[in-house]
Structures are given as C-alpha cells and as structure tokens.
Protein backbone atom coordinates (compact mmCIF):
# COMPACT_ATOMS: atom_id res chain seq x y z
CA UNK A 1 -69.77 -177.93 62.59
CA UNK A 2 -67.78 -175.34 64.67
CA UNK A 3 -64.25 -177.01 64.16
CA UNK A 4 -64.82 -176.93 60.23
CA UNK A 5 -65.87 -172.97 59.90
CA UNK A 6 -62.75 -172.77 62.50
CA UNK A 7 -60.70 -174.59 59.99
CA UNK A 8 -61.77 -172.63 57.37
CA UNK A 9 -61.14 -169.58 58.87
CA UNK A 10 -57.95 -170.88 60.03
CA UNK A 11 -56.77 -171.66 56.71
CA UNK A 12 -57.73 -167.83 54.85
CA UNK A 13 -55.90 -166.35 57.54
CA UNK A 14 -52.54 -168.85 57.33
CA UNK A 15 -52.71 -167.97 53.53
CA UNK A 16 -53.31 -163.83 53.83
CA UNK A 17 -50.07 -164.25 55.73
CA UNK A 18 -48.31 -166.66 53.45
CA UNK A 19 -48.73 -163.90 51.11
CA UNK A 20 -47.60 -161.16 52.97
CA UNK A 21 -44.40 -162.92 53.62
CA UNK A 22 -43.98 -163.45 50.25
CA UNK A 23 -44.46 -159.99 48.66
CA UNK A 24 -42.48 -158.52 51.86
CA UNK A 25 -39.29 -160.84 50.63
CA UNK A 26 -39.73 -159.95 47.08
CA UNK A 27 -39.72 -156.35 47.69
CA UNK A 28 -36.85 -156.51 49.43
CA UNK A 29 -35.14 -158.63 47.25
CA UNK A 30 -36.35 -156.12 44.33
CA UNK A 31 -34.81 -153.39 46.14
CA UNK A 32 -31.57 -154.96 46.49
CA UNK A 33 -31.61 -155.37 42.82
CA UNK A 34 -32.32 -152.08 42.19
CA UNK A 35 -29.60 -150.95 44.35
CA UNK A 36 -26.49 -153.15 43.15
CA UNK A 37 -27.54 -152.18 39.44
CA UNK A 38 -27.65 -148.21 40.66
CA UNK A 39 -24.06 -149.03 41.96
CA UNK A 40 -22.95 -150.69 39.37
CA UNK A 41 -24.13 -148.07 37.03
CA UNK A 42 -23.09 -144.72 38.54
CA UNK A 43 -19.44 -146.84 39.08
CA UNK A 44 -19.32 -147.22 35.28
CA UNK A 45 -19.83 -144.10 34.39
CA UNK A 46 -17.33 -142.70 37.46
CA UNK A 47 -14.76 -144.58 35.29
CA UNK A 48 -15.42 -142.55 32.00
CA UNK A 49 -12.36 -140.27 31.95
CA UNK A 50 -11.90 -137.15 29.36
CA UNK A 51 -8.91 -138.83 27.57
CA UNK A 52 -7.73 -135.09 26.41
CA UNK A 53 -7.97 -133.79 29.48
CA UNK A 54 -6.14 -137.11 30.73
CA UNK A 55 -3.13 -136.38 28.67
CA UNK A 56 -2.35 -133.11 29.93
CA UNK A 57 -2.92 -134.50 33.74
CA UNK A 58 -6.57 -133.37 34.36
CA UNK A 59 -8.60 -135.90 35.70
CA UNK A 60 -12.37 -135.41 34.22
CA UNK A 61 -15.11 -137.19 33.85
CA UNK A 62 -16.39 -137.14 30.04
CA UNK A 63 -20.20 -136.41 30.35
CA UNK A 64 -22.04 -137.78 27.27
CA UNK A 65 -19.68 -141.17 28.04
CA UNK A 66 -20.56 -141.48 31.37
CA UNK A 67 -24.49 -141.15 31.07
CA UNK A 68 -24.20 -143.92 28.06
CA UNK A 69 -22.31 -146.41 30.01
CA UNK A 70 -24.79 -145.43 32.92
CA UNK A 71 -27.76 -146.06 31.05
CA UNK A 72 -26.50 -149.07 29.61
CA UNK A 73 -25.19 -151.14 32.51
CA UNK A 74 -28.69 -149.50 34.02
CA UNK A 75 -30.46 -151.41 31.47
CA UNK A 76 -28.25 -154.75 31.13
CA UNK A 77 -28.31 -154.96 34.98
CA UNK A 78 -32.26 -154.36 35.32
CA UNK A 79 -33.48 -155.82 32.07
CA UNK A 80 -34.90 -152.86 30.74
CA UNK A 81 -35.18 -151.71 27.07
CA UNK A 82 -33.75 -148.15 25.61
CA UNK A 83 -36.90 -146.06 27.30
CA UNK A 84 -36.05 -148.01 30.33
CA UNK A 85 -39.21 -149.86 30.07
CA UNK A 86 -39.04 -153.65 31.46
CA UNK A 87 -38.49 -155.84 28.88
CA UNK A 88 -41.26 -158.66 28.61
CA UNK A 89 -41.71 -161.45 30.93
CA UNK A 90 -39.20 -159.89 33.05
CA UNK A 91 -40.02 -159.04 36.99
CA UNK A 92 -40.59 -155.33 36.95
CA UNK A 93 -43.80 -153.75 35.78
CA UNK A 94 -43.08 -150.18 35.13
CA UNK A 95 -40.64 -147.75 33.97
CA UNK A 96 -37.58 -147.37 35.72
CA UNK A 97 -37.43 -143.29 36.52
CA UNK A 98 -33.93 -141.44 36.16
CA UNK A 99 -34.49 -138.71 38.98
CA UNK A 100 -30.74 -137.34 39.01
CA UNK A 101 -27.92 -138.23 36.81
CA UNK A 102 -24.95 -135.65 38.12
CA UNK A 103 -21.53 -135.48 37.48
CA UNK A 104 -19.31 -133.45 39.41
CA UNK A 105 -15.91 -132.98 37.86
CA UNK A 106 -12.74 -130.55 38.06
CA UNK A 107 -14.84 -126.88 38.39
CA UNK A 108 -15.19 -128.09 42.41
CA UNK A 109 -12.89 -127.86 45.16
CA UNK A 110 -12.47 -131.33 46.50
CA UNK A 111 -13.54 -132.52 49.03
CA UNK A 112 -16.86 -131.59 48.01
CA UNK A 113 -19.94 -132.51 49.65
CA UNK A 114 -23.20 -132.53 47.07
CA UNK A 115 -26.16 -132.43 49.22
CA UNK A 116 -30.00 -133.27 47.99
CA UNK A 117 -32.05 -131.82 50.58
CA UNK A 118 -35.49 -133.03 48.92
CA UNK A 119 -34.06 -136.99 48.95
CA UNK A 120 -32.93 -136.84 52.24
CA UNK A 121 -29.37 -137.64 50.44
CA UNK A 122 -25.76 -136.36 51.29
CA UNK A 123 -22.38 -137.10 50.25
CA UNK A 124 -18.45 -136.09 50.11
CA UNK A 125 -16.26 -137.09 47.07
CA UNK A 126 -12.78 -136.20 47.25
CA UNK A 127 -12.60 -136.71 43.31
CA UNK A 128 -14.54 -136.52 40.20
CA UNK A 129 -17.68 -138.63 40.97
CA UNK A 130 -20.94 -139.54 39.63
CA UNK A 131 -24.55 -139.15 41.53
CA UNK A 132 -27.61 -140.99 40.36
CA UNK A 133 -30.95 -141.39 41.84
CA UNK A 134 -33.49 -143.98 40.36
CA UNK A 135 -37.18 -144.34 40.73
CA UNK A 136 -38.45 -148.22 40.77
CA UNK A 137 -41.48 -149.76 41.71
CA UNK A 138 -42.58 -152.63 43.24
CA UNK A 139 -45.00 -155.22 41.44
CA UNK A 140 -46.61 -156.70 43.57
CA UNK A 141 -47.61 -160.61 43.18
CA UNK A 142 -50.37 -160.60 45.98
CA UNK A 143 -52.47 -157.38 46.54
CA UNK A 144 -51.74 -157.86 50.16
CA UNK A 145 -49.52 -154.84 51.03
CA UNK A 146 -49.90 -151.15 49.35
CA UNK A 147 -48.06 -150.27 46.48
CA UNK A 148 -44.43 -150.04 47.50
CA UNK A 149 -42.36 -147.42 44.89
CA UNK A 150 -38.56 -146.22 46.33
CA UNK A 151 -36.05 -143.53 45.19
CA UNK A 152 -32.73 -145.49 45.29
CA UNK A 153 -29.36 -143.53 45.64
CA UNK A 154 -26.09 -143.91 44.94
CA UNK A 155 -22.72 -142.22 44.40
CA UNK A 156 -18.88 -143.45 43.00
CA UNK A 157 -15.85 -141.57 42.51
CA UNK A 158 -13.59 -141.90 39.60
CA UNK A 159 -10.57 -144.39 40.61
CA UNK A 160 -6.92 -143.16 39.33
C-alpha cells in the first residue's frame, strides 16, 4: 500500500517539475522572440533617412517615418494589432507596451552616450540612431512560475 502512495506522490512531483521546466523553456523562448523583434524594429527605424537633409549631405533620421516603421516591424514580428494587442490565437496574451522610443539625431555631438538610469541601460552611438524599450509579459502555460514581465531594450545606428 505504501508503495502505491509513494508512486502517486512521485508522479505528482514529476508532473510539477515537468510543468516548471516547460514554463521556463517557453519563457526563455518568449524573451528571445521579443528581443529579436525589437532589434529588427530599431534597425528598421534607424534606416529612415530624411531625404531633404540627405540631399545636402546631412545624415538625419526622419522621426515620423522611423516611429511608423519601428511599430510596423514590432507588430509584424510579435503578431500584434495596431494597438499592440496580440492577435487572436497567438501566444502572447497582453498588450506590448512601448516604454521608450527615442531618436538621437544630428542635434547631438557624436560619439553620444545615451544613459537611462531607471532601466540600467547605456549605449554609445557614433552616428544618429534609435533607442527603444518595450515591456513584454510572459503568458504562463502552467501556474508553476510567478508572473514574469521584462523590459527589453535595444538600439541601432543609422547605416551609411
């Protein structure tokens, strides 16, 4: 009889460990997916040249086009709608919040070091660039892990 109880208890322990491992793996996959999507978005934003200023030899990022392209790339890669809410039947469950979108343009002296003490982020840009932070929440598959949310940070310089 005690062996049957031990078998049942061990089965419960193994299932809990399996659920924990699955959630941890999915959390890391979600974090990497968010980081890759943000990297693509800031890179696309940093390539939006102001054609008028470029014609006179000044490299500047056009702010409205950069914001539009960054959001388009982010929404496409994370499968979000125009409000940054996940599309139906996708893995994410909550809105992706853009915490920061900053364009460092020709008004600064390069190399320029951008520092955000609140989020512990610092980057040195040698050319005009874009810095962007998003908040991403992990939709737990099992309730073994505590709720997880990340502030994902990325930056990219203009390529010329």
